[in-house]
PDB file of all heavy atoms in Angstrom:
ATOM      1  N   ASN A   1       0.830  -1.177   0.056  1.00  0.00           N
ATOM      2  CA  ASN A   1      -0.001  -0.081  -0.011  1.00  0.00           C
ATOM      3  C   ASN A   1       0.875   1.225  -0.013  1.00  0.00           C
ATOM      4  O   ASN A   1       0.584   2.232   0.721  1.00  0.00           O
ATOM      5  CB  ASN A   1      -0.953   0.007   1.194  1.00  0.00           C
ATOM      6  CG  ASN A   1      -2.063  -1.039   1.111  1.00  0.00           C
ATOM      7  OD1 ASN A   1      -2.669  -1.223   0.012  1.00  0.00           O
ATOM      8  ND2 ASN A   1      -2.267  -1.748   2.213  1.00  0.00           N
ATOM      9  N   LEU A   2       2.014   1.274  -0.789  1.00  0.00           N
ATOM     10  CA  LEU A   2       2.853   2.427  -0.937  1.00  0.00           C
ATOM     11  C   LEU A   2       2.370   3.258  -2.112  1.00  0.00           C
ATOM     12  O   LEU A   2       2.360   2.660  -3.318  1.00  0.00           O
ATOM     13  CB  LEU A   2       4.245   1.966  -1.039  1.00  0.00           C
ATOM     14  CG  LEU A   2       4.840   1.108   0.057  1.00  0.00           C
ATOM     15  CD1 LEU A   2       6.212   0.763  -0.189  1.00  0.00           C
ATOM     16  CD2 LEU A   2       4.820   1.881   1.362  1.00  0.00           C
ATOM     17  N   ASN A   3       2.054   4.476  -1.976  1.00  0.00           N
ATOM     18  CA  ASN A   3       1.544   5.289  -3.036  1.00  0.00           C
ATOM     19  C   ASN A   3       2.799   5.972  -3.654  1.00  0.00           C
ATOM     20  O   ASN A   3       3.017   7.171  -3.531  1.00  0.00           O
ATOM     21  CB  ASN A   3       0.608   6.322  -2.553  1.00  0.00           C
ATOM     22  CG  ASN A   3      -0.015   7.137  -3.624  1.00  0.00           C
ATOM     23  OD1 ASN A   3      -0.073   6.777  -4.825  1.00  0.00           O
ATOM     24  ND2 ASN A   3      -0.370   8.358  -3.346  1.00  0.00           N
ATOM     25  N   VAL A   4       3.530   5.102  -4.375  1.00  0.00           N
ATOM     26  CA  VAL A   4       4.809   5.517  -4.914  1.00  0.00           C
ATOM     27  C   VAL A   4       4.902   5.183  -6.453  1.00  0.00           C
ATOM     28  O   VAL A   4       4.579   4.102  -6.753  1.00  0.00           O
ATOM     29  CB  VAL A   4       6.032   4.784  -4.214  1.00  0.00           C
ATOM     30  CG1 VAL A   4       7.334   5.116  -4.800  1.00  0.00           C
ATOM     31  CG2 VAL A   4       5.899   5.043  -2.773  1.00  0.00           C
ATOM     32  N   PRO A   5       5.168   6.172  -7.302  1.00  0.00           N
ATOM     33  CA  PRO A   5       5.212   5.891  -8.687  1.00  0.00           C
ATOM     34  C   PRO A   5       6.475   4.965  -9.065  1.00  0.00           C
ATOM     35  O   PRO A   5       7.518   5.108  -8.481  1.00  0.00           O
ATOM     36  CB  PRO A   5       5.358   7.185  -9.364  1.00  0.00           C
ATOM     37  CG  PRO A   5       5.950   8.064  -8.276  1.00  0.00           C
ATOM     38  CD  PRO A   5       5.433   7.551  -7.014  1.00  0.00           C
ATOM     39  N   VAL A   6       6.172   4.120  -9.992  1.00  0.00           N
ATOM     40  CA  VAL A   6       7.263   3.187 -10.453  1.00  0.00           C
ATOM     41  C   VAL A   6       7.531   3.431 -12.004  1.00  0.00           C
ATOM     42  O   VAL A   6       6.612   3.475 -12.672  1.00  0.00           O
ATOM     43  CB  VAL A   6       6.926   1.661 -10.300  1.00  0.00           C
ATOM     44  CG1 VAL A   6       7.916   0.784 -10.923  1.00  0.00           C
ATOM     45  CG2 VAL A   6       6.658   1.378  -8.768  1.00  0.00           C
ATOM     46  N   PHE A   7       8.823   3.688 -12.284  1.00  0.00           N
ATOM     47  CA  PHE A   7       9.245   4.047 -13.632  1.00  0.00           C
ATOM     48  C   PHE A   7      10.076   2.885 -14.222  1.00  0.00           C
ATOM     49  O   PHE A   7      10.861   2.280 -13.494  1.00  0.00           O
ATOM     50  CB  PHE A   7      10.084   5.334 -13.652  1.00  0.00           C
ATOM     51  CG  PHE A   7       9.330   6.547 -13.108  1.00  0.00           C
ATOM     52  CD1 PHE A   7       9.171   6.777 -11.725  1.00  0.00           C
ATOM     53  CD2 PHE A   7       8.742   7.377 -14.074  1.00  0.00           C
ATOM     54  CE1 PHE A   7       8.511   7.910 -11.326  1.00  0.00           C
ATOM     55  CE2 PHE A   7       8.015   8.483 -13.588  1.00  0.00           C
ATOM     56  CZ  PHE A   7       7.867   8.710 -12.233  1.00  0.00           C
ATOM     57  N   LYS A   8       9.986   2.782 -15.562  1.00  0.00           N
ATOM     58  CA  LYS A   8      10.827   1.861 -16.224  1.00  0.00           C
ATOM     59  C   LYS A   8      12.130   2.500 -16.611  1.00  0.00           C
ATOM     60  O   LYS A   8      12.122   3.637 -17.176  1.00  0.00           O
ATOM     61  CB  LYS A   8      10.157   1.462 -17.659  1.00  0.00           C
ATOM     62  CG  LYS A   8       9.091   0.369 -17.570  1.00  0.00           C
ATOM     63  CD  LYS A   8       8.779   0.110 -19.094  1.00  0.00           C
ATOM     64  CE  LYS A   8       7.628  -0.992 -19.102  1.00  0.00           C
ATOM     65  NZ  LYS A   8       7.202  -1.264 -20.423  1.00  0.00           N
ATOM     66  N   GLY A   9      13.194   1.825 -16.232  1.00  0.00           N
ATOM     67  CA  GLY A   9      14.537   2.357 -16.514  1.00  0.00           C
ATOM     68  C   GLY A   9      15.180   1.658 -17.681  1.00  0.00           C
ATOM     69  O   GLY A   9      14.487   1.246 -18.557  1.00  0.00           O
ATOM     70  N   SER A  10      16.478   1.484 -17.553  1.00  0.00           N
ATOM     71  CA  SER A  10      17.199   0.873 -18.687  1.00  0.00           C
ATOM     72  C   SER A  10      17.048  -0.702 -18.749  1.00  0.00           C
ATOM     73  O   SER A  10      16.987  -1.333 -17.666  1.00  0.00           O
ATOM     74  CB  SER A  10      18.680   1.125 -18.555  1.00  0.00           C
ATOM     75  OG  SER A  10      18.949   2.577 -18.444  1.00  0.00           O
ATOM     76  N   ASP A  11      16.913  -1.153 -19.923  1.00  0.00           N
ATOM     77  CA  ASP A  11      16.617  -2.664 -20.060  1.00  0.00           C
ATOM     78  C   ASP A  11      17.870  -3.379 -20.379  1.00  0.00           C
ATOM     79  O   ASP A  11      17.896  -4.606 -20.602  1.00  0.00           O
ATOM     80  CB  ASP A  11      15.614  -2.944 -21.183  1.00  0.00           C
ATOM     81  CG  ASP A  11      16.005  -2.463 -22.544  1.00  0.00           C
ATOM     82  OD1 ASP A  11      17.082  -1.752 -22.762  1.00  0.00           O
ATOM     83  OD2 ASP A  11      15.267  -2.759 -23.550  1.00  0.00           O
ATOM     84  N   LYS A  12      19.075  -2.743 -20.552  1.00  0.00           N
ATOM     85  CA  LYS A  12      20.250  -3.383 -20.844  1.00  0.00           C
ATOM     86  C   LYS A  12      21.552  -2.536 -20.461  1.00  0.00           C
ATOM     87  O   LYS A  12      21.305  -1.321 -20.285  1.00  0.00           O
ATOM     88  CB  LYS A  12      20.450  -3.826 -22.259  1.00  0.00           C
ATOM     89  CG  LYS A  12      20.371  -2.644 -23.313  1.00  0.00           C
ATOM     90  CD  LYS A  12      20.361  -3.133 -24.662  1.00  0.00           C
ATOM     91  CE  LYS A  12      20.266  -1.960 -25.690  1.00  0.00           C
ATOM     92  NZ  LYS A  12      20.235  -2.380 -27.065  1.00  0.00           N
ATOM     93  N   PRO A  13      22.655  -3.060 -20.227  1.00  0.00           N
ATOM     94  CA  PRO A  13      23.791  -2.240 -19.899  1.00  0.00           C
ATOM     95  C   PRO A  13      24.215  -1.362 -21.071  1.00  0.00           C
ATOM     96  O   PRO A  13      23.822  -1.523 -22.200  1.00  0.00           O
ATOM     97  CB  PRO A  13      24.845  -3.319 -19.679  1.00  0.00           C
ATOM     98  CG  PRO A  13      24.158  -4.637 -19.556  1.00  0.00           C
ATOM     99  CD  PRO A  13      22.952  -4.523 -20.256  1.00  0.00           C
ATOM    100  N   LEU A  14      25.075  -0.477 -20.735  1.00  0.00           N
ATOM    101  CA  LEU A  14      25.620   0.571 -21.745  1.00  0.00           C
ATOM    102  C   LEU A  14      26.290  -0.104 -22.880  1.00  0.00           C
ATOM    103  O   LEU A  14      26.029   0.125 -23.968  1.00  0.00           O
ATOM    104  CB  LEU A  14      26.516   1.592 -21.114  1.00  0.00           C
ATOM    105  CG  LEU A  14      25.929   2.571 -20.070  1.00  0.00           C
ATOM    106  CD1 LEU A  14      26.974   3.595 -19.589  1.00  0.00           C
ATOM    107  CD2 LEU A  14      24.655   3.255 -20.567  1.00  0.00           C
ATOM    108  N   LEU A  15      27.195  -1.012 -22.565  1.00  0.00           N
ATOM    109  CA  LEU A  15      28.106  -1.616 -23.624  1.00  0.00           C
ATOM    110  C   LEU A  15      28.119  -3.181 -23.490  1.00  0.00           C
ATOM    111  O   LEU A  15      28.043  -3.853 -24.459  1.00  0.00           O
ATOM    112  CB  LEU A  15      29.416  -1.006 -23.498  1.00  0.00           C
ATOM    113  CG  LEU A  15      29.618   0.402 -23.771  1.00  0.00           C
ATOM    114  CD1 LEU A  15      31.126   0.804 -23.523  1.00  0.00           C
ATOM    115  CD2 LEU A  15      29.237   0.777 -25.292  1.00  0.00           C
ATOM    116  N   ARG A  16      28.202  -3.670 -22.265  1.00  0.00           N
ATOM    117  CA  ARG A  16      28.619  -5.055 -22.167  1.00  0.00           C
ATOM    118  C   ARG A  16      27.301  -6.034 -22.445  1.00  0.00           C
ATOM    119  O   ARG A  16      26.227  -5.560 -22.402  1.00  0.00           O
ATOM    120  CB  ARG A  16      29.134  -5.369 -20.802  1.00  0.00           C
ATOM    121  CG  ARG A  16      28.061  -5.251 -19.620  1.00  0.00           C
ATOM    122  CD  ARG A  16      28.484  -6.188 -18.429  1.00  0.00           C
ATOM    123  NE  ARG A  16      28.394  -7.576 -18.910  1.00  0.00           N
ATOM    124  CZ  ARG A  16      29.117  -8.601 -18.368  1.00  0.00           C
ATOM    125  NH1 ARG A  16      29.913  -8.403 -17.436  1.00  0.00           N
ATOM    126  NH2 ARG A  16      28.943  -9.816 -18.859  1.00  0.00           N
ATOM    127  N   LYS A  17      27.582  -7.282 -22.630  1.00  0.00           N
ATOM    128  CA  LYS A  17      26.568  -8.162 -22.832  1.00  0.00           C
ATOM    129  C   LYS A  17      25.825  -8.349 -21.455  1.00  0.00           C
ATOM    130  O   LYS A  17      26.399  -8.423 -20.470  1.00  0.00           O
ATOM    131  CB  LYS A  17      27.064  -9.542 -23.236  1.00  0.00           C
ATOM    132  CG  LYS A  17      26.075 -10.627 -23.526  1.00  0.00           C
ATOM    133  CD  LYS A  17      26.712 -11.935 -23.892  1.00  0.00           C
ATOM    134  CE  LYS A  17      25.683 -13.066 -24.154  1.00  0.00           C
ATOM    135  NZ  LYS A  17      26.335 -14.278 -24.464  1.00  0.00           N
ATOM    136  N   GLN A  18      24.458  -8.462 -21.538  1.00  0.00           N
ATOM    137  CA  GLN A  18      23.598  -8.465 -20.342  1.00  0.00           C
ATOM    138  C   GLN A  18      23.849  -9.776 -19.537  1.00  0.00           C
ATOM    139  O   GLN A  18      23.938 -10.768 -20.159  1.00  0.00           O
ATOM    140  CB  GLN A  18      22.176  -8.299 -20.757  1.00  0.00           C
ATOM    141  CG  GLN A  18      21.190  -8.272 -19.498  1.00  0.00           C
ATOM    142  CD  GLN A  18      19.838  -7.761 -19.899  1.00  0.00           C
ATOM    143  OE1 GLN A  18      19.377  -8.109 -21.001  1.00  0.00           O
ATOM    144  NE2 GLN A  18      19.138  -7.040 -19.038  1.00  0.00           N
ATOM    145  N   ILE A  19      23.832  -9.617 -18.249  1.00  0.00           N
ATOM    146  CA  ILE A  19      23.920 -10.685 -17.417  1.00  0.00           C
ATOM    147  C   ILE A  19      22.781 -10.598 -16.362  1.00  0.00           C
ATOM    148  O   ILE A  19      22.394  -9.412 -16.001  1.00  0.00           O
ATOM    149  CB  ILE A  19      25.238 -10.992 -16.599  1.00  0.00           C
ATOM    150  CG1 ILE A  19      25.517  -9.666 -15.774  1.00  0.00           C
ATOM    151  CG2 ILE A  19      26.292 -11.268 -17.481  1.00  0.00           C
ATOM    152  CD1 ILE A  19      26.601 -10.016 -14.651  1.00  0.00           C
ATOM    153  N   VAL A  20      22.194 -11.590 -15.864  1.00  0.00           N
ATOM    154  CA  VAL A  20      21.297 -11.662 -14.733  1.00  0.00           C
ATOM    155  C   VAL A  20      21.564 -12.724 -13.634  1.00  0.00           C
ATOM    156  O   VAL A  20      22.607 -13.357 -13.862  1.00  0.00           O
ATOM    157  CB  VAL A  20      19.806 -11.882 -15.284  1.00  0.00           C
ATOM    158  CG1 VAL A  20      19.271 -10.700 -16.144  1.00  0.00           C
ATOM    159  CG2 VAL A  20      19.617 -13.174 -16.033  1.00  0.00           C
ATOM    160  N   ALA A  21      20.802 -12.753 -12.678  1.00  0.00           N
ATOM    161  CA  ALA A  21      21.175 -13.713 -11.464  1.00  0.00           C
ATOM    162  C   ALA A  21      20.078 -14.700 -11.128  1.00  0.00           C
ATOM    163  O   ALA A  21      19.610 -14.589  -9.944  1.00  0.00           O
ATOM    164  CB  ALA A  21      21.540 -12.791 -10.324  1.00  0.00           C
ATOM    165  N   PRO A  22      19.686 -15.517 -12.021  1.00  0.00           N
ATOM    166  CA  PRO A  22      18.679 -16.599 -11.674  1.00  0.00           C
ATOM    167  C   PRO A  22      19.133 -17.521 -10.575  1.00  0.00           C
ATOM    168  O   PRO A  22      18.200 -18.106  -9.901  1.00  0.00           O
ATOM    169  CB  PRO A  22      18.301 -17.180 -12.990  1.00  0.00           C
ATOM    170  CG  PRO A  22      19.609 -17.059 -13.783  1.00  0.00           C
ATOM    171  CD  PRO A  22      20.096 -15.741 -13.398  1.00  0.00           C
ATOM    172  N   ASP A  23      20.401 -17.747 -10.461  1.00  0.00           N
ATOM    173  CA  ASP A  23      20.880 -18.747  -9.437  1.00  0.00           C
ATOM    174  C   ASP A  23      20.592 -18.225  -8.054  1.00  0.00           C
ATOM    175  O   ASP A  23      20.500 -18.983  -7.081  1.00  0.00           O
ATOM    176  CB  ASP A  23      22.390 -19.012  -9.649  1.00  0.00           C
ATOM    177  CG  ASP A  23      23.224 -17.777  -9.682  1.00  0.00           C
ATOM    178  OD1 ASP A  23      22.668 -16.673  -9.966  1.00  0.00           O
ATOM    179  OD2 ASP A  23      24.478 -17.915  -9.388  1.00  0.00           O
ATOM    180  N   ILE A  24      20.573 -16.902  -7.830  1.00  0.00           N
ATOM    181  CA  ILE A  24      20.259 -16.364  -6.535  1.00  0.00           C
ATOM    182  C   ILE A  24      18.819 -15.887  -6.378  1.00  0.00           C
ATOM    183  O   ILE A  24      18.252 -16.151  -5.288  1.00  0.00           O
ATOM    184  CB  ILE A  24      21.160 -15.116  -6.302  1.00  0.00           C
ATOM    185  CG1 ILE A  24      22.686 -15.490  -6.356  1.00  0.00           C
ATOM    186  CG2 ILE A  24      20.830 -14.310  -5.034  1.00  0.00           C
ATOM    187  CD1 ILE A  24      23.111 -16.379  -5.222  1.00  0.00           C
ATOM    188  N   HIS A  25      18.252 -15.377  -7.343  1.00  0.00           N
ATOM    189  CA  HIS A  25      16.902 -14.704  -7.228  1.00  0.00           C
ATOM    190  C   HIS A  25      15.754 -15.465  -7.958  1.00  0.00           C
ATOM    191  O   HIS A  25      14.676 -15.055  -7.983  1.00  0.00           O
ATOM    192  CB  HIS A  25      17.017 -13.302  -7.759  1.00  0.00           C
ATOM    193  CG  HIS A  25      17.871 -12.322  -6.886  1.00  0.00           C
ATOM    194  ND1 HIS A  25      17.459 -11.853  -5.650  1.00  0.00           N
ATOM    195  CD2 HIS A  25      19.082 -11.935  -7.138  1.00  0.00           C
ATOM    196  CE1 HIS A  25      18.459 -11.102  -5.151  1.00  0.00           C
ATOM    197  NE2 HIS A  25      19.440 -11.147  -6.056  1.00  0.00           N
ATOM    198  N   GLY A  26      16.219 -16.462  -8.699  1.00  0.00           N
ATOM    199  CA  GLY A  26      15.118 -17.326  -9.432  1.00  0.00           C
ATOM    200  C   GLY A  26      14.901 -16.579 -10.811  1.00  0.00           C
ATOM    201  O   GLY A  26      15.318 -15.488 -11.065  1.00  0.00           O
ATOM    202  N   GLU A  27      14.045 -17.205 -11.550  1.00  0.00           N
ATOM    203  CA  GLU A  27      13.819 -16.752 -12.916  1.00  0.00           C
ATOM    204  C   GLU A  27      13.003 -15.485 -13.014  1.00  0.00           C
ATOM    205  O   GLU A  27      13.348 -14.659 -13.857  1.00  0.00           O
ATOM    206  CB  GLU A  27      12.984 -17.873 -13.795  1.00  0.00           C
ATOM    207  CG  GLU A  27      13.860 -19.082 -14.107  1.00  0.00           C
ATOM    208  CD  GLU A  27      15.082 -18.862 -14.901  1.00  0.00           C
ATOM    209  OE1 GLU A  27      14.976 -17.935 -15.769  1.00  0.00           O
ATOM    210  OE2 GLU A  27      16.103 -19.481 -14.799  1.00  0.00           O
ATOM    211  N   SER A  28      12.214 -15.292 -11.997  1.00  0.00           N
ATOM    212  CA  SER A  28      11.394 -14.007 -12.019  1.00  0.00           C
ATOM    213  C   SER A  28      12.121 -12.895 -11.397  1.00  0.00           C
ATOM    214  O   SER A  28      11.577 -11.729 -11.443  1.00  0.00           O
ATOM    215  CB  SER A  28       9.952 -14.253 -11.335  1.00  0.00           C
ATOM    216  OG  SER A  28      10.215 -14.441  -9.866  1.00  0.00           O
ATOM    217  N   GLY A  29      13.173 -13.175 -10.670  1.00  0.00           N
ATOM    218  CA  GLY A  29      13.865 -12.131  -9.835  1.00  0.00           C
ATOM    219  C   GLY A  29      13.343 -12.081  -8.421  1.00  0.00           C
ATOM    220  O   GLY A  29      14.020 -11.480  -7.600  1.00  0.00           O
ATOM    221  N   LEU A  30      12.240 -12.753  -8.189  1.00  0.00           N
ATOM    222  CA  LEU A  30      11.623 -12.751  -6.798  1.00  0.00           C
ATOM    223  C   LEU A  30      10.913 -14.116  -6.594  1.00  0.00           C
ATOM    224  O   LEU A  30       9.671 -14.034  -6.298  1.00  0.00           O
ATOM    225  CB  LEU A  30      10.635 -11.536  -6.778  1.00  0.00           C
ATOM    226  CG  LEU A  30      10.380 -10.929  -5.415  1.00  0.00           C
ATOM    227  CD1 LEU A  30      11.738 -10.564  -4.685  1.00  0.00           C
ATOM    228  CD2 LEU A  30       9.497  -9.729  -5.532  1.00  0.00           C
ATOM    229  N   GLU A  31      11.647 -15.133  -6.757  1.00  0.00           N
ATOM    230  CA  GLU A  31      11.049 -16.426  -6.462  1.00  0.00           C
ATOM    231  C   GLU A  31      10.948 -16.877  -5.028  1.00  0.00           C
ATOM    232  O   GLU A  31      11.719 -16.296  -4.134  1.00  0.00           O
ATOM    233  CB  GLU A  31      11.850 -17.461  -7.194  1.00  0.00           C
ATOM    234  CG  GLU A  31      11.941 -17.399  -8.809  1.00  0.00           C
ATOM    235  CD  GLU A  31      10.754 -17.781  -9.488  1.00  0.00           C
ATOM    236  OE1 GLU A  31       9.803 -18.353  -8.784  1.00  0.00           O
ATOM    237  OE2 GLU A  31      10.537 -17.437 -10.592  1.00  0.00           O
ATOM    238  N   GLY A  32      10.107 -17.757  -4.679  1.00  0.00           N
ATOM    239  CA  GLY A  32      10.017 -18.311  -3.386  1.00  0.00           C
ATOM    240  C   GLY A  32       8.648 -18.158  -2.720  1.00  0.00           C
ATOM    241  O   GLY A  32       8.413 -18.846  -1.700  1.00  0.00           O
ATOM    242  N   ALA A  33       7.878 -17.289  -3.211  1.00  0.00           N
ATOM    243  CA  ALA A  33       6.485 -17.076  -2.681  1.00  0.00           C
ATOM    244  C   ALA A  33       5.495 -16.784  -3.778  1.00  0.00           C
ATOM    245  O   ALA A  33       5.908 -16.275  -4.814  1.00  0.00           O
ATOM    246  CB  ALA A  33       6.416 -15.948  -1.639  1.00  0.00           C
ATOM    247  N   ASN A  34       4.283 -17.235  -3.569  1.00  0.00           N
ATOM    248  CA  ASN A  34       3.176 -16.896  -4.568  1.00  0.00           C
ATOM    249  C   ASN A  34       2.796 -15.471  -4.391  1.00  0.00           C
ATOM    250  O   ASN A  34       2.165 -15.097  -3.416  1.00  0.00           O
ATOM    251  CB  ASN A  34       1.989 -17.793  -4.390  1.00  0.00           C
ATOM    252  CG  ASN A  34       2.275 -19.225  -4.793  1.00  0.00           C
ATOM    253  OD1 ASN A  34       3.008 -19.418  -5.716  1.00  0.00           O
ATOM    254  ND2 ASN A  34       1.708 -20.206  -4.051  1.00  0.00           N
TER     255      ASN A  34
END
């Protein structure tokens, strides 16, 4: 219930090939609860 606007930022790094961290955070980035 936080009345806070959420903005879309950058979808990829400036130059390097993109990496993500599914081994730590799961495929959705927020795994572990429904």
